[in-house]
Amino acid sequence: MPETEEELAYYREIEDFFAAMRGVPHIVSPKDFQLLRGWWRDRIPLAAVAAGISEVFARRRDRNDRDPVVSLTCLLYTSDAADDNRVV
């Protein structure tokens, strides 16, 4: 469970952004939640997470990949963007 309202807002912002990119509602899985919690603890800015999510969707669009993105864990396997100050 989130410890503060600020932490909860962080999780909701990411969840809402991810759902908007998918075009359908998204319920955070326990695995996704652990990922979110790690980003919160590491102080990864929302803008960096949003940039990473956007990049994943852009890459998939460029490849004409029709499989849906169903989890935030897709951000773990796309690149080593930590060096670029974004989550991907």
C-alpha atoms as a PDB file:
ATOM      1  CA  MET A   1       0.000   0.000   0.000  1.00  0.00           C
ATOM      2  CA  PRO A   2       1.197   3.530  -0.703  1.00  0.00           C
ATOM      3  CA  GLU A   3       2.423   5.315   2.386  1.00  0.00           C
ATOM      4  CA  THR A   4       1.442   8.870   1.388  1.00  0.00           C
ATOM      5  CA  GLU A   5      -1.091  10.636  -0.814  1.00  0.00           C
ATOM      6  CA  GLU A   6       1.818  11.841  -2.951  1.00  0.00           C
ATOM      7  CA  GLU A   7       2.943   8.268  -3.539  1.00  0.00           C
ATOM      8  CA  LEU A   8      -0.603   7.183  -4.397  1.00  0.00           C
ATOM      9  CA  ALA A   9      -0.924  10.099  -6.839  1.00  0.00           C
ATOM     10  CA  TYR A  10       2.338   9.024  -8.514  1.00  0.00           C
ATOM     11  CA  TYR A  11       0.995   5.507  -9.044  1.00  0.00           C
ATOM     12  CA  ARG A  12      -2.332   6.777 -10.346  1.00  0.00           C
ATOM     13  CA  GLU A  13      -0.698   9.184 -12.788  1.00  0.00           C
ATOM     14  CA  ILE A  14       1.349   6.380 -14.299  1.00  0.00           C
ATOM     15  CA  GLU A  15      -1.596   3.986 -14.357  1.00  0.00           C
ATOM     16  CA  ASP A  16      -3.802   6.598 -16.049  1.00  0.00           C
ATOM     17  CA  PHE A  17      -1.124   7.507 -18.599  1.00  0.00           C
ATOM     18  CA  PHE A  18      -0.489   3.853 -19.439  1.00  0.00           C
ATOM     19  CA  ALA A  19      -4.238   3.216 -19.833  1.00  0.00           C
ATOM     20  CA  ALA A  20      -4.557   6.259 -22.094  1.00  0.00           C
ATOM     21  CA  MET A  21      -1.710   5.021 -24.293  1.00  0.00           C
ATOM     22  CA  ARG A  22      -3.292   1.558 -24.475  1.00  0.00           C
ATOM     23  CA  GLY A  23      -6.707   3.018 -25.220  1.00  0.00           C
ATOM     24  CA  VAL A  24      -8.361   0.774 -22.647  1.00  0.00           C
ATOM     25  CA  PRO A  25      -8.524   0.732 -18.838  1.00  0.00           C
ATOM     26  CA  HIS A  26      -5.638  -0.917 -17.035  1.00  0.00           C
ATOM     27  CA  ILE A  27      -5.544  -2.512 -13.608  1.00  0.00           C
ATOM     28  CA  VAL A  28      -2.058  -2.602 -12.131  1.00  0.00           C
ATOM     29  CA  SER A  29      -0.910  -6.149 -11.491  1.00  0.00           C
ATOM     30  CA  PRO A  30       1.113  -7.053  -8.392  1.00  0.00           C
ATOM     31  CA  LYS A  31       4.218  -7.247 -10.604  1.00  0.00           C
ATOM     32  CA  ASP A  32       3.461  -3.811 -12.090  1.00  0.00           C
ATOM     33  CA  PHE A  33       2.890  -2.437  -8.596  1.00  0.00           C
ATOM     34  CA  GLN A  34       6.312  -3.613  -7.454  1.00  0.00           C
ATOM     35  CA  LEU A  35       7.815  -1.889 -10.483  1.00  0.00           C
ATOM     36  CA  LEU A  36       5.935   1.330  -9.651  1.00  0.00           C
ATOM     37  CA  ARG A  37       7.065   1.127  -6.047  1.00  0.00           C
ATOM     38  CA  GLY A  38      10.685   0.751  -7.175  1.00  0.00           C
ATOM     39  CA  TRP A  39      10.395   3.803  -9.418  1.00  0.00           C
ATOM     40  CA  TRP A  40       8.879   5.762  -6.515  1.00  0.00           C
ATOM     41  CA  ARG A  41      11.648   4.722  -4.148  1.00  0.00           C
ATOM     42  CA  ASP A  42      14.297   5.535  -6.778  1.00  0.00           C
ATOM     43  CA  ARG A  43      12.651   8.934  -7.318  1.00  0.00           C
ATOM     44  CA  ILE A  44      12.147   8.381 -11.048  1.00  0.00           C
ATOM     45  CA  PRO A  45      10.251  11.472 -12.263  1.00  0.00           C
ATOM     46  CA  LEU A  46       6.799  11.042 -13.760  1.00  0.00           C
ATOM     47  CA  ALA A  47       8.045  12.725 -16.929  1.00  0.00           C
ATOM     48  CA  ALA A  48      10.719  10.049 -17.305  1.00  0.00           C
ATOM     49  CA  VAL A  49       8.190   7.254 -16.856  1.00  0.00           C
ATOM     50  CA  ALA A  50       5.807   8.885 -19.345  1.00  0.00           C
ATOM     51  CA  ALA A  51       8.644   9.276 -21.859  1.00  0.00           C
ATOM     52  CA  GLY A  52       9.502   5.598 -21.483  1.00  0.00           C
ATOM     53  CA  ILE A  53       5.908   4.487 -21.927  1.00  0.00           C
ATOM     54  CA  SER A  54       5.538   6.724 -24.963  1.00  0.00           C
ATOM     55  CA  GLU A  55       8.727   5.328 -26.463  1.00  0.00           C
ATOM     56  CA  VAL A  56       7.536   1.738 -26.054  1.00  0.00           C
ATOM     57  CA  PHE A  57       4.290   2.506 -27.851  1.00  0.00           C
ATOM     58  CA  ALA A  58       6.083   4.466 -30.599  1.00  0.00           C
ATOM     59  CA  ARG A  59       8.528   1.623 -31.240  1.00  0.00           C
ATOM     60  CA  ARG A  60       5.731  -0.901 -31.439  1.00  0.00           C
ATOM     61  CA  ARG A  61       3.797   1.346 -33.810  1.00  0.00           C
ATOM     62  CA  ASP A  62       6.893   1.769 -36.003  1.00  0.00           C
ATOM     63  CA  ARG A  63       7.274  -2.026 -36.186  1.00  0.00           C
ATOM     64  CA  ASN A  64       3.557  -2.490 -36.912  1.00  0.00           C
ATOM     65  CA  ASP A  65       3.425  -4.690 -33.821  1.00  0.00           C
ATOM     66  CA  ARG A  66      -0.237  -5.586 -33.269  1.00  0.00           C
ATOM     67  CA  ASP A  67       0.209  -7.399 -29.954  1.00  0.00           C
ATOM     68  CA  PRO A  68      -1.144  -5.264 -27.115  1.00  0.00           C
ATOM     69  CA  VAL A  69       1.086  -3.900 -24.402  1.00  0.00           C
ATOM     70  CA  VAL A  70      -0.471  -5.461 -21.321  1.00  0.00           C
ATOM     71  CA  SER A  71       1.987  -4.640 -18.556  1.00  0.00           C
ATOM     72  CA  LEU A  72       4.310  -1.915 -17.386  1.00  0.00           C
ATOM     73  CA  THR A  73       7.042  -4.536 -17.263  1.00  0.00           C
ATOM     74  CA  CYS A  74       7.481  -3.997 -21.004  1.00  0.00           C
ATOM     75  CA  LEU A  75       9.521  -0.976 -19.951  1.00  0.00           C
ATOM     76  CA  LEU A  76      12.158  -3.233 -18.449  1.00  0.00           C
ATOM     77  CA  TYR A  77      13.087  -4.915 -21.696  1.00  0.00           C
ATOM     78  CA  THR A  78      13.208  -2.217 -24.355  1.00  0.00           C
ATOM     79  CA  SER A  79      16.526  -0.431 -23.800  1.00  0.00           C
ATOM     80  CA  ASP A  80      18.922   0.861 -21.195  1.00  0.00           C
ATOM     81  CA  ALA A  81      17.359   4.301 -21.150  1.00  0.00           C
ATOM     82  CA  ALA A  82      18.441   5.029 -17.601  1.00  0.00           C
ATOM     83  CA  ASP A  83      21.481   6.624 -19.176  1.00  0.00           C
ATOM     84  CA  ASP A  84      19.116   8.893 -21.116  1.00  0.00           C
ATOM     85  CA  ASN A  85      17.127   9.919 -17.995  1.00  0.00           C
ATOM     86  CA  ARG A  86      13.951   8.111 -18.986  1.00  0.00           C
ATOM     87  CA  VAL A  87      12.397   4.847 -17.959  1.00  0.00           C
ATOM     88  CA  VAL A  88      12.449   2.279 -20.720  1.00  0.00           C
END
